[in-house]
Structure formats: C-alpha cells, structure tokens
Amino acid sequence: MASPRVRKVADRIKVIVAEMLERRIKDPRLGFVTITDVRVTGDTQQASIFYTTLAIDGSDADLVGTAAALESAKGLIRSEVAKQLGMRHSPSIEFIHDALPETARAIDDLLDRARASDEVVAQARSGATYAGEADPYKKPRDPAEEDSDDPDTDG
C-alpha cells in the first residue's frame, strides 16, 4: 500500500493536470478528457496518469488525436506539476488511456444478454410440470400397511 505522502502527491497531480487540461492546454486535437486516476511510484519519480475521452462520433480518431495532444503537452504539464508541488525532483509523466469505461460497457451488455436469456427460460418454465410423481419424496412406512401386504402371514 502506498504511503499517505505518495497518495497526497498523486491526488495533487490529478487536480493539477485536470486544471491544466481545462484551462491552459488549447490543442484542437484534445477531446473531452477526464483524468480518472494517477499512480505514483513510491519514490515519486514516475507518475502514470490514466484518462478517458468522450468520443463524439464514436471513432478512434478522437482517441488518437487526444493521445497525440497529451504527448505534445507533456513537458508543459510536467513543469507546471513541478512548480505547484514544490518538490526537488518532478516526477516523469506517462499518459495511459483508461479502458475501464469500455470494459464496463461490455460487462453491462453481457449482463443484459444474460437477463434476456433468463427471461426466456422463465417463460418456458411457466407452463412446465414435474417429470415424475407429484410428490417425489419417500415417506416412512406405516406398520399397519406392512402387515396387511405381507404374503407370508396367514390371515
């Protein structure tokens, strides 16, 4: 588990980068970017910044353009992070596209398909009856019935 200091640095980097992308970076390739997470190594020398982007037309061109814009603005962002953190060494920055929303969407689609197949099974089950007897469980025998059915007794 990361130390509280490293977590504070990561949270601060997340805020700084989000503000930079909102206010100072004016690259037209930059789409609607959301910083989802920042992970900093224990020695605070490297920071991995996870981001998602909202694709307007659903194409991968937005994702490629955003990645290129973030890569070109990496130096400016790193210098601003170093200035605002006030640390001796500023962490090197790496931008990573976060695939969590796409994965969550795929899981939701799978759950919807499972619900639909469950409904089909429930509809097929609605008019079904048991294959065997109505009461398939064995019952204890009554001793009076055993005496009357026994052929060895003379009665």
Protein backbone atom coordinates (compact mmCIF):
# COMPACT_ATOMS: atom_id res chain seq x y z
CA MET A 1 0.00 0.00 0.00
CA ALA A 2 1.26 3.46 -0.83
CA SER A 3 2.23 5.83 1.92
CA PRO A 4 -0.06 8.76 2.72
CA ARG A 5 2.50 11.17 1.28
CA VAL A 6 2.53 9.37 -2.08
CA ARG A 7 -1.28 9.32 -2.15
CA LYS A 8 -1.39 13.07 -1.47
CA VAL A 9 1.12 13.70 -4.26
CA ALA A 10 -0.97 11.57 -6.64
CA ASP A 11 -4.18 13.39 -5.71
CA ARG A 12 -2.48 16.75 -6.15
CA ILE A 13 -1.10 15.75 -9.57
CA LYS A 14 -4.58 14.66 -10.61
CA VAL A 15 -6.01 18.07 -9.72
CA ILE A 16 -3.17 19.99 -11.36
CA VAL A 17 -3.36 18.02 -14.63
CA ALA A 18 -7.16 18.31 -14.78
CA GLU A 19 -6.97 22.08 -14.31
CA MET A 20 -4.22 22.36 -16.91
CA LEU A 21 -6.25 20.43 -19.47
CA GLU A 22 -9.31 22.53 -18.76
CA ARG A 23 -7.71 25.99 -18.74
CA ARG A 24 -4.25 26.12 -20.30
CA ILE A 25 -3.93 23.44 -22.97
CA LYS A 26 -5.63 24.74 -26.11
CA ASP A 27 -4.74 21.97 -28.56
CA PRO A 28 -7.60 21.40 -31.05
CA ARG A 29 -6.83 17.66 -31.10
CA LEU A 30 -7.64 17.44 -27.40
CA GLY A 31 -11.11 15.98 -26.92
CA PHE A 32 -13.25 15.82 -23.82
CA VAL A 33 -10.69 14.33 -21.42
CA THR A 34 -11.33 13.13 -17.89
CA ILE A 35 -8.46 12.23 -15.58
CA THR A 36 -9.61 9.05 -13.84
CA ASP A 37 -6.57 8.10 -11.75
CA VAL A 38 -2.95 8.94 -11.04
CA ARG A 39 -0.50 6.37 -9.76
CA VAL A 40 2.85 7.49 -8.43
CA THR A 41 5.77 5.22 -7.61
CA GLY A 42 6.92 5.02 -4.02
CA ASP A 43 9.92 7.27 -4.68
CA THR A 44 7.68 9.78 -6.54
CA GLN A 45 9.89 9.64 -9.62
CA GLN A 46 7.23 8.43 -12.07
CA ALA A 47 3.56 9.26 -12.39
CA SER A 48 1.13 7.29 -14.55
CA ILE A 49 -1.91 9.39 -15.42
CA PHE A 50 -4.98 7.47 -16.55
CA TYR A 51 -7.51 9.30 -18.69
CA THR A 52 -10.69 8.67 -20.62
CA THR A 53 -12.00 10.59 -23.55
CA LEU A 54 -15.52 11.04 -24.80
CA ALA A 55 -15.70 10.07 -28.44
CA ILE A 56 -18.26 12.32 -30.11
CA ASP A 57 -18.61 10.42 -33.36
CA GLY A 58 -17.56 7.04 -31.92
CA SER A 59 -14.36 6.82 -33.95
CA ASP A 60 -10.86 6.01 -32.77
CA ALA A 61 -9.56 9.19 -34.44
CA ASP A 62 -10.60 11.18 -31.36
CA LEU A 63 -8.63 8.82 -29.15
CA VAL A 64 -5.53 9.04 -31.34
CA GLY A 65 -5.75 12.84 -31.54
CA THR A 66 -6.17 13.15 -27.78
CA ALA A 67 -3.20 10.86 -27.16
CA ALA A 68 -1.06 12.95 -29.52
CA ALA A 69 -2.18 16.21 -27.88
CA LEU A 70 -1.38 14.89 -24.40
CA GLU A 71 2.01 13.66 -25.56
CA SER A 72 2.88 17.05 -27.05
CA ALA A 73 1.75 18.89 -23.89
CA LYS A 74 3.62 16.54 -21.56
CA GLY A 75 6.55 18.93 -20.99
CA LEU A 76 4.32 21.88 -20.13
CA ILE A 77 2.24 19.75 -17.79
CA ARG A 78 5.32 18.32 -16.08
CA SER A 79 6.81 21.77 -15.49
CA GLU A 80 3.53 23.03 -14.02
CA VAL A 81 3.29 19.95 -11.78
CA ALA A 82 6.85 20.54 -10.56
CA LYS A 83 6.16 24.22 -9.91
CA GLN A 84 2.96 23.60 -7.96
CA LEU A 85 4.23 20.60 -5.99
CA GLY A 86 7.44 22.35 -4.95
CA MET A 87 9.38 19.09 -4.85
CA ARG A 88 13.09 18.74 -5.53
CA HIS A 89 12.52 16.28 -8.38
CA SER A 90 9.43 16.43 -10.53
CA PRO A 91 8.01 13.04 -11.50
CA SER A 92 8.17 11.94 -15.11
CA ILE A 93 4.69 11.75 -16.57
CA GLU A 94 3.14 8.97 -18.62
CA PHE A 95 -0.38 9.20 -20.04
CA ILE A 96 -2.31 5.92 -20.28
CA HIS A 97 -5.76 5.57 -21.83
CA ASP A 98 -8.07 4.04 -19.26
CA ALA A 99 -10.13 1.23 -20.80
CA LEU A 100 -12.40 0.91 -17.77
CA PRO A 101 -15.50 2.55 -19.33
CA GLU A 102 -15.32 0.30 -22.41
CA THR A 103 -14.87 -2.76 -20.21
CA ALA A 104 -17.79 -1.73 -18.01
CA ARG A 105 -19.94 -1.21 -21.10
CA ALA A 106 -19.04 -4.69 -22.38
CA ILE A 107 -19.90 -6.22 -19.00
CA ASP A 108 -23.24 -4.37 -18.97
CA ASP A 109 -24.01 -5.77 -22.43
CA LEU A 110 -23.21 -9.29 -21.23
CA LEU A 111 -25.45 -8.81 -18.19
CA ASP A 112 -28.29 -7.60 -20.42
CA ARG A 113 -27.94 -10.69 -22.62
CA ALA A 114 -27.95 -12.91 -19.51
CA ARG A 115 -31.12 -11.21 -18.23
CA ALA A 116 -32.81 -11.73 -21.59
CA SER A 117 -31.91 -15.42 -21.66
CA ASP A 118 -33.14 -15.77 -18.05
CA GLU A 119 -36.49 -14.29 -19.11
CA VAL A 120 -36.74 -16.77 -21.97
CA VAL A 121 -36.06 -19.65 -19.58
CA ALA A 122 -38.61 -18.28 -17.09
CA GLN A 123 -41.27 -18.09 -19.82
CA ALA A 124 -40.55 -21.66 -20.92
CA ARG A 125 -40.74 -22.80 -17.31
CA SER A 126 -44.10 -21.14 -16.61
CA GLY A 127 -46.29 -23.98 -18.02
CA ALA A 128 -43.97 -26.86 -17.17
CA THR A 129 -44.78 -29.72 -14.80
CA TYR A 130 -42.59 -32.15 -12.95
CA ALA A 131 -41.40 -35.22 -14.87
CA GLY A 132 -42.06 -37.70 -12.07
CA GLU A 133 -44.71 -38.06 -9.45
CA ALA A 134 -46.28 -35.04 -7.82
CA ASP A 135 -44.54 -35.86 -4.54
CA PRO A 136 -41.14 -37.46 -5.32
CA TYR A 137 -40.04 -37.86 -1.70
CA LYS A 138 -40.11 -41.20 0.13
CA LYS A 139 -42.38 -41.36 3.11
CA PRO A 140 -41.98 -43.52 6.20
CA ARG A 141 -43.97 -46.72 6.01
CA ASP A 142 -46.96 -47.30 8.18
CA PRO A 143 -46.57 -50.57 10.20
CA ALA A 144 -50.29 -51.42 9.76
CA GLU A 145 -49.91 -51.36 5.96
CA GLU A 146 -46.85 -53.62 6.09
CA ASP A 147 -48.78 -56.33 8.00
CA SER A 148 -51.68 -56.38 5.54
CA ASP A 149 -49.44 -56.55 2.46
CA ASP A 150 -47.14 -59.32 3.72
CA PRO A 151 -47.90 -62.61 1.84
CA ASP A 152 -46.20 -64.82 4.49
CA THR A 153 -48.81 -64.13 7.11
CA ASP A 154 -51.91 -66.24 7.28
CA GLY A 155 -54.79 -64.04 7.81
